Amino acid sequence: MKEWFDANDVREARERIRPWVRETPLEQSIYLDYADRNYQFKLESQQVGKSFKFRGALNTISQLSESERRHGVGTVSTGNHGVAVAIAARLLGIQDCSVVVPLGTPHAKTDRIRFYGARSMMLGADYDDALTLGLNYIDRSEMFYVDPYEHDPRIYAGQGTIGLEIMEQNPDVDTIVVPIGGGGLCTGIAVAAKSIKPDVRIIGVQTAACPAMVASIEDGTCYNRFPTEGDTVCEAIVGGVGEIAFEMLPNLIDDIVVVSEKSIRSAFKFMIEREQLSVEAGSAMVVAAVREFPERVGGKNVALVISGGNLDINILTSVLQEDFDD
């Protein structure tokens, strides 16, 4: 296994981004109660830009050369990474920033991209189309491409700072449950947390609509593009996996739980109505895993990483009108 980054890179990232990044709360769940387990939410939904993505984007952009900064930065995103890049570019004084998103990206995300001074461009029917068109545009514009999760270890190290915070906020945490999209968040947290507590369990969660990491591990192939089956509320956590995650995560993770669309929607409604926390639907995957598979997730002191809080009002309205048998 190639070691693309390690815990020292995560610690250096933490010092680098500390002036701008919030140490988000690790907040006790009121209503999750299974077999006397203690559940706490790591609320990256309260991070700058309402997403964990700010950490990795800031760590990457802050290390660019003066020449790279002068040419500007660009990225392709389903929303949260784009918001993060826009904020980081503005904070670091980079004048030219472009974010390409697929058609239908929630206004909550595109509005924020524009608010922070970046150019928001809707190209392509889905993420794959947007990526092809966006990379072409960024290359022609001679911008630095801020990779969301595939090949840049600086992104992973930035996301990993969450793992350091969790273990410092509650050293008794024995299990961390993390959503998996491209895999950068889970890989970074695993490297950081296990450097402090080697026996801490890392449980990844994927939606049944797009279990790209599960398929990649099972087949021994890095599926950097993976089809989504049917409609899903997890628009920010679908697609393929990153090369770094594919190479590192199988040796770090203890289990990956795949949850149904119905259980995610139910967990999303639970978080809004019962816990009264503003989270985006994809973040509710970790809560769905605990509610659907409490014994498999296990642990006594469990941290659930709530990765984002950029709500899609249409999804919210729809889910709140649904009845679930739980």
Protein backbone atom coordinates (compact mmCIF):
# COMPACT_ATOMS: atom_id res chain seq x y z
CA MET A 1 0.00 0.00 0.00
CA LYS A 2 1.34 3.43 -0.94
CA GLU A 3 1.19 5.86 1.96
CA TRP A 4 0.01 9.05 0.32
CA PHE A 5 -0.16 10.95 3.62
CA ASP A 6 0.14 10.23 7.33
CA ALA A 7 -0.88 11.60 10.72
CA ASN A 8 1.95 14.16 10.67
CA ASP A 9 0.47 15.63 7.49
CA VAL A 10 -2.88 15.89 9.26
CA ARG A 11 -1.33 17.65 12.26
CA GLU A 12 0.50 20.08 9.98
CA ALA A 13 -2.75 20.72 8.13
CA ARG A 14 -4.46 21.51 11.40
CA GLU A 15 -1.94 24.20 12.27
CA ARG A 16 -2.07 25.58 8.74
CA ILE A 17 -5.86 26.00 8.66
CA ARG A 18 -6.44 26.73 12.33
CA PRO A 19 -6.93 30.52 11.91
CA TRP A 20 -10.03 30.02 9.75
CA VAL A 21 -11.54 26.63 10.61
CA ARG A 22 -14.06 26.12 13.39
CA GLU A 23 -13.62 23.35 15.92
CA THR A 24 -17.13 21.98 15.51
CA PRO A 25 -19.15 20.61 18.46
CA LEU A 26 -19.33 16.97 19.46
CA GLU A 27 -22.93 17.06 20.68
CA GLN A 28 -24.81 14.40 22.61
CA SER A 29 -27.76 12.74 20.89
CA ILE A 30 -30.98 13.01 22.86
CA TYR A 31 -33.05 10.36 21.11
CA LEU A 32 -30.63 7.70 19.85
CA ASP A 33 -30.69 5.09 22.59
CA TYR A 34 -29.64 1.52 21.86
CA ALA A 35 -28.30 -0.85 24.54
CA ASP A 36 -26.92 1.96 26.72
CA ARG A 37 -24.66 3.22 23.97
CA ASN A 38 -23.55 6.83 23.98
CA TYR A 39 -23.99 8.58 20.61
CA GLN A 40 -22.53 11.97 19.80
CA PHE A 41 -22.84 14.04 16.62
CA LYS A 42 -19.70 15.63 15.20
CA LEU A 43 -21.42 18.64 13.67
CA GLU A 44 -19.48 19.55 10.54
CA SER A 45 -22.83 20.94 9.45
CA GLN A 46 -21.75 23.94 11.56
CA GLN A 47 -18.38 24.30 9.81
CA VAL A 48 -17.60 27.33 7.66
CA GLY A 49 -19.60 26.80 4.49
CA LYS A 50 -21.77 24.26 6.35
CA SER A 51 -19.59 21.33 5.29
CA PHE A 52 -16.40 19.45 6.20
CA LYS A 53 -15.13 20.22 2.69
CA PHE A 54 -13.79 23.60 3.83
CA ARG A 55 -10.95 21.90 5.71
CA GLY A 56 -9.48 20.10 2.73
CA ALA A 57 -9.99 22.93 0.26
CA LEU A 58 -8.30 25.44 2.57
CA ASN A 59 -5.38 23.10 3.29
CA THR A 60 -4.80 22.62 -0.43
CA ILE A 61 -5.21 26.19 -1.65
CA SER A 62 -3.09 27.63 1.17
CA GLN A 63 -0.12 25.62 -0.16
CA LEU A 64 -0.29 26.87 -3.75
CA SER A 65 2.62 28.78 -5.23
CA GLU A 66 2.30 32.45 -6.13
CA SER A 67 2.19 31.52 -9.81
CA GLU A 68 -0.65 29.05 -9.23
CA ARG A 69 -2.59 31.63 -7.25
CA ARG A 70 -2.22 34.26 -10.00
CA HIS A 71 -3.75 31.90 -12.54
CA GLY A 72 -6.76 31.30 -10.30
CA VAL A 73 -8.42 28.13 -9.08
CA GLY A 74 -11.28 26.05 -10.38
CA THR A 75 -13.14 22.91 -9.44
CA VAL A 76 -16.05 20.65 -10.32
CA SER A 77 -18.50 19.85 -7.56
CA THR A 78 -22.01 18.74 -6.64
CA GLY A 79 -22.03 21.76 -4.34
CA ASN A 80 -20.27 21.50 -0.98
CA HIS A 81 -16.72 21.26 -2.32
CA GLY A 82 -17.47 24.17 -4.62
CA VAL A 83 -18.67 26.32 -1.73
CA ALA A 84 -15.54 25.38 0.21
CA VAL A 85 -13.21 26.30 -2.66
CA ALA A 86 -15.00 29.63 -3.14
CA ILE A 87 -14.62 30.53 0.55
CA ALA A 88 -10.98 29.43 0.72
CA ALA A 89 -10.09 31.37 -2.42
CA ARG A 90 -11.70 34.52 -1.06
CA LEU A 91 -9.99 34.21 2.33
CA LEU A 92 -6.60 33.71 0.68
CA GLY A 93 -7.03 36.61 -1.73
CA ILE A 94 -7.33 34.62 -4.96
CA GLN A 95 -9.24 36.80 -7.40
CA ASP A 96 -10.28 34.26 -10.04
CA CYS A 97 -12.28 31.25 -8.88
CA SER A 98 -14.64 29.13 -11.01
CA VAL A 99 -16.90 26.33 -9.81
CA VAL A 100 -18.61 24.01 -12.29
CA VAL A 101 -21.69 22.18 -10.96
CA PRO A 102 -24.21 19.85 -12.63
CA LEU A 103 -27.61 21.10 -13.69
CA GLY A 104 -30.08 20.85 -10.81
CA THR A 105 -27.57 21.55 -8.04
CA PRO A 106 -29.52 22.98 -5.05
CA HIS A 107 -29.71 26.78 -4.93
CA ALA A 108 -28.54 26.68 -1.31
CA LYS A 109 -25.14 25.67 -2.68
CA THR A 110 -24.91 27.73 -5.88
CA ASP A 111 -26.05 30.87 -4.07
CA ARG A 112 -23.25 30.44 -1.55
CA ILE A 113 -20.69 29.88 -4.29
CA ARG A 114 -21.63 33.22 -5.85
CA PHE A 115 -21.89 34.98 -2.49
CA TYR A 116 -18.25 34.20 -1.78
CA GLY A 117 -17.16 35.72 -5.06
CA ALA A 118 -16.70 32.67 -7.27
CA ARG A 119 -18.10 32.13 -10.75
CA SER A 120 -20.78 29.40 -10.64
CA MET A 121 -21.29 27.54 -13.91
CA MET A 122 -23.96 24.86 -14.45
CA LEU A 123 -22.69 22.38 -17.04
CA GLY A 124 -23.75 18.80 -17.68
CA ALA A 125 -26.78 16.73 -16.75
CA ASP A 126 -24.92 14.90 -13.96
CA TYR A 127 -21.58 14.95 -12.15
CA ASP A 128 -19.75 12.92 -14.81
CA ASP A 129 -20.85 15.29 -17.57
CA ALA A 130 -20.00 18.30 -15.43
CA LEU A 131 -16.56 16.85 -14.69
CA THR A 132 -15.73 16.33 -18.36
CA LEU A 133 -16.88 19.80 -19.35
CA GLY A 134 -15.48 21.47 -16.24
CA LEU A 135 -12.01 19.97 -16.52
CA ASN A 136 -11.86 21.09 -20.13
CA TYR A 137 -12.79 24.64 -19.14
CA ILE A 138 -10.34 24.75 -16.20
CA ASP A 139 -7.52 23.39 -18.34
CA ARG A 140 -8.15 25.93 -21.12
CA SER A 141 -8.25 28.71 -18.50
CA GLU A 142 -4.90 27.53 -17.05
CA MET A 143 -6.39 27.47 -13.56
CA PHE A 144 -5.25 25.20 -10.74
CA TYR A 145 -7.75 22.36 -10.39
CA VAL A 146 -8.74 21.80 -6.76
CA ASP A 147 -9.37 18.05 -6.72
CA PRO A 148 -12.28 17.12 -4.42
CA TYR A 149 -11.10 13.61 -3.47
CA GLU A 150 -9.23 11.70 -6.16
CA HIS A 151 -5.49 12.39 -6.26
CA ASP A 152 -4.51 15.19 -3.87
CA PRO A 153 -3.36 14.09 -0.39
CA ARG A 154 -3.62 17.68 0.85
CA ILE A 155 -7.40 17.38 0.64
CA TYR A 156 -7.33 14.17 2.69
CA ALA A 157 -5.06 15.65 5.34
CA GLY A 158 -7.38 18.61 5.75
CA GLN A 159 -10.43 16.39 6.21
CA GLY A 160 -8.47 14.28 8.68
CA THR A 161 -8.31 17.15 11.16
CA ILE A 162 -11.85 16.15 12.16
CA GLY A 163 -10.46 12.90 13.52
CA LEU A 164 -7.98 14.77 15.72
CA GLU A 165 -10.78 16.92 17.12
CA ILE A 166 -13.06 13.98 17.88
CA MET A 167 -10.41 12.12 19.86
CA GLU A 168 -9.46 15.25 21.80
CA GLN A 169 -13.07 16.19 22.54
CA ASN A 170 -13.88 12.71 23.82
CA PRO A 171 -10.93 10.33 24.33
CA ASP A 172 -13.41 7.57 25.24
CA VAL A 173 -14.79 7.38 21.70
CA ASP A 174 -14.32 3.81 20.51
CA THR A 175 -16.25 3.95 17.22
CA ILE A 176 -16.47 6.65 14.55
CA VAL A 177 -19.17 6.38 11.88
CA VAL A 178 -18.44 8.29 8.68
CA PRO A 179 -20.32 8.74 5.39
CA ILE A 180 -18.40 7.59 2.32
CA GLY A 181 -18.71 9.31 -1.02
CA GLY A 182 -15.33 9.71 -2.69
CA GLY A 183 -13.68 8.43 0.48
CA GLY A 184 -11.53 11.42 1.43
CA LEU A 185 -13.39 12.19 4.65
CA CYS A 186 -13.36 8.63 5.96
CA THR A 187 -9.74 7.99 5.00
CA GLY A 188 -8.50 11.22 6.57
CA ILE A 189 -10.42 10.64 9.81
CA ALA A 190 -9.21 7.05 10.02
CA VAL A 191 -5.54 8.02 9.64
CA ALA A 192 -5.84 10.74 12.27
CA ALA A 193 -7.97 8.92 14.84
CA LYS A 194 -5.99 5.68 14.70
CA SER A 195 -2.75 7.61 15.23
CA ILE A 196 -4.13 8.61 18.63
CA LYS A 197 -6.09 5.45 19.46
CA PRO A 198 -5.08 2.52 17.23
CA ASP A 199 -8.01 0.33 18.24
CA VAL A 200 -10.72 2.91 17.51
CA ARG A 201 -13.21 1.38 15.08
CA ILE A 202 -13.98 3.19 11.81
CA ILE A 203 -17.36 2.35 10.28
CA GLY A 204 -18.11 3.73 6.82
CA VAL A 205 -21.61 4.20 5.45
CA GLN A 206 -22.78 4.20 1.86
CA THR A 207 -26.15 4.57 0.22
CA ALA A 208 -27.53 1.53 -1.60
CA ALA A 209 -28.12 3.87 -4.53
CA CYS A 210 -24.35 4.17 -5.08
CA PRO A 211 -22.14 1.76 -3.07
CA ALA A 212 -19.01 2.62 -5.04
CA MET A 213 -16.46 1.90 -2.30
CA VAL A 214 -18.01 -1.45 -1.43
CA ALA A 215 -17.91 -2.48 -5.09
CA SER A 216 -14.34 -1.20 -5.48
CA ILE A 217 -13.09 -3.23 -2.53
CA GLU A 218 -15.01 -6.35 -3.53
CA ASP A 219 -13.81 -6.23 -7.14
CA GLY A 220 -10.31 -4.93 -6.46
CA THR A 221 -10.92 -2.11 -8.94
CA CYS A 222 -11.00 1.61 -8.26
CA TYR A 223 -14.36 2.73 -9.62
CA ASN A 224 -13.71 6.45 -9.98
CA ARG A 225 -17.01 6.64 -11.86
CA PHE A 226 -19.92 4.60 -10.56
CA PRO A 227 -23.57 4.68 -11.64
CA THR A 228 -26.35 5.80 -9.31
CA GLU A 229 -29.38 3.55 -9.21
CA GLY A 230 -32.64 5.45 -9.00
CA ASP A 231 -33.40 8.71 -7.24
CA THR A 232 -31.54 9.55 -4.05
CA VAL A 233 -31.54 12.36 -1.50
CA CYS A 234 -27.76 11.92 -1.22
CA GLU A 235 -26.81 14.03 -4.22
CA ALA A 236 -23.56 15.10 -2.52
CA ILE A 237 -22.42 11.53 -1.73
CA VAL A 238 -22.75 9.70 -5.03
CA GLY A 239 -20.27 9.01 -7.81
CA GLY A 240 -16.96 7.18 -7.76
CA VAL A 241 -14.16 6.81 -5.22
CA GLY A 242 -10.75 8.47 -5.14
CA GLU A 243 -7.51 6.67 -5.91
CA ILE A 244 -6.03 7.55 -2.53
CA ALA A 245 -9.10 6.27 -0.66
CA PHE A 246 -9.14 3.07 -2.71
CA GLU A 247 -5.51 2.34 -1.86
CA MET A 248 -5.55 3.33 1.82
CA LEU A 249 -9.04 2.86 3.25
CA PRO A 250 -9.34 -0.96 3.06
CA ASN A 251 -6.46 -1.23 5.53
CA LEU A 252 -7.95 1.34 7.89
CA ILE A 253 -11.68 0.68 7.97
CA ASP A 254 -13.42 -1.92 10.15
CA ASP A 255 -16.70 -2.19 8.25
CA ILE A 256 -18.83 -0.50 5.60
CA VAL A 257 -22.59 -0.47 6.12
CA VAL A 258 -24.89 0.04 3.13
CA VAL A 259 -28.21 1.69 4.01
CA SER A 260 -31.41 1.96 2.01
CA GLU A 261 -32.87 5.14 0.58
CA LYS A 262 -35.91 4.73 2.81
CA SER A 263 -33.80 4.49 5.96
CA ILE A 264 -31.81 7.58 4.96
CA ARG A 265 -34.99 9.60 4.38
CA SER A 266 -36.37 8.42 7.72
CA ALA A 267 -33.12 9.32 9.50
CA PHE A 268 -33.13 12.74 7.83
CA LYS A 269 -36.62 13.43 9.12
CA PHE A 270 -35.58 12.15 12.56
CA MET A 271 -32.65 14.58 12.70
CA ILE A 272 -34.79 17.56 11.72
CA GLU A 273 -37.88 16.82 13.82
CA ARG A 274 -36.50 14.98 16.84
CA GLU A 275 -32.89 16.04 17.31
CA GLN A 276 -33.73 19.46 15.79
CA LEU A 277 -30.44 19.68 13.95
CA SER A 278 -30.12 21.25 10.52
CA VAL A 279 -28.33 18.62 8.44
CA GLU A 280 -28.39 17.73 4.78
CA ALA A 281 -29.93 14.43 3.77
CA GLY A 282 -26.69 12.70 2.82
CA SER A 283 -25.28 13.37 6.29
CA ALA A 284 -28.16 11.40 7.79
CA MET A 285 -26.65 8.19 6.37
CA VAL A 286 -24.66 7.68 9.56
CA VAL A 287 -27.82 7.99 11.65
CA ALA A 288 -29.59 5.57 9.30
CA ALA A 289 -26.78 3.05 9.89
CA VAL A 290 -27.18 3.23 13.67
CA ARG A 291 -30.96 2.97 13.53
CA GLU A 292 -30.99 0.14 10.98
CA PHE A 293 -27.93 -1.83 12.17
CA PRO A 294 -27.22 -0.88 15.81
CA GLU A 295 -25.48 -4.15 16.65
CA ARG A 296 -23.37 -4.17 13.52
CA VAL A 297 -22.22 -0.60 14.09
CA GLY A 298 -21.64 -1.46 17.74
CA GLY A 299 -19.44 0.53 20.09
CA LYS A 300 -20.13 2.04 23.50
CA ASN A 301 -19.05 5.62 22.81
CA VAL A 302 -19.90 6.36 19.19
CA ALA A 303 -19.17 9.52 17.20
CA LEU A 304 -21.40 10.09 14.18
CA VAL A 305 -19.87 12.47 11.63
CA ILE A 306 -22.56 14.83 10.32
CA SER A 307 -20.74 15.96 7.22
CA GLY A 308 -22.86 18.86 5.97
CA GLY A 309 -25.82 21.14 6.53
CA ASN A 310 -26.67 22.65 3.16
CA LEU A 311 -30.36 21.78 2.97
CA ASP A 312 -32.26 21.27 -0.27
CA ILE A 313 -35.66 22.78 0.52
CA ASN A 314 -37.41 20.54 -2.02
CA ILE A 315 -36.00 17.36 -0.44
CA LEU A 316 -36.77 18.69 3.03
CA THR A 317 -40.38 19.48 2.16
CA SER A 318 -40.89 16.10 0.54
CA VAL A 319 -39.38 14.05 3.35
CA LEU A 320 -41.19 15.88 6.13
CA GLN A 321 -44.50 14.90 4.52
CA GLU A 322 -43.63 11.20 4.51
CA ASP A 323 -44.67 8.68 7.18
CA PHE A 324 -42.14 6.09 8.31
CA ASP A 325 -42.74 3.04 10.47
CA ASP A 326 -40.16 3.72 13.15
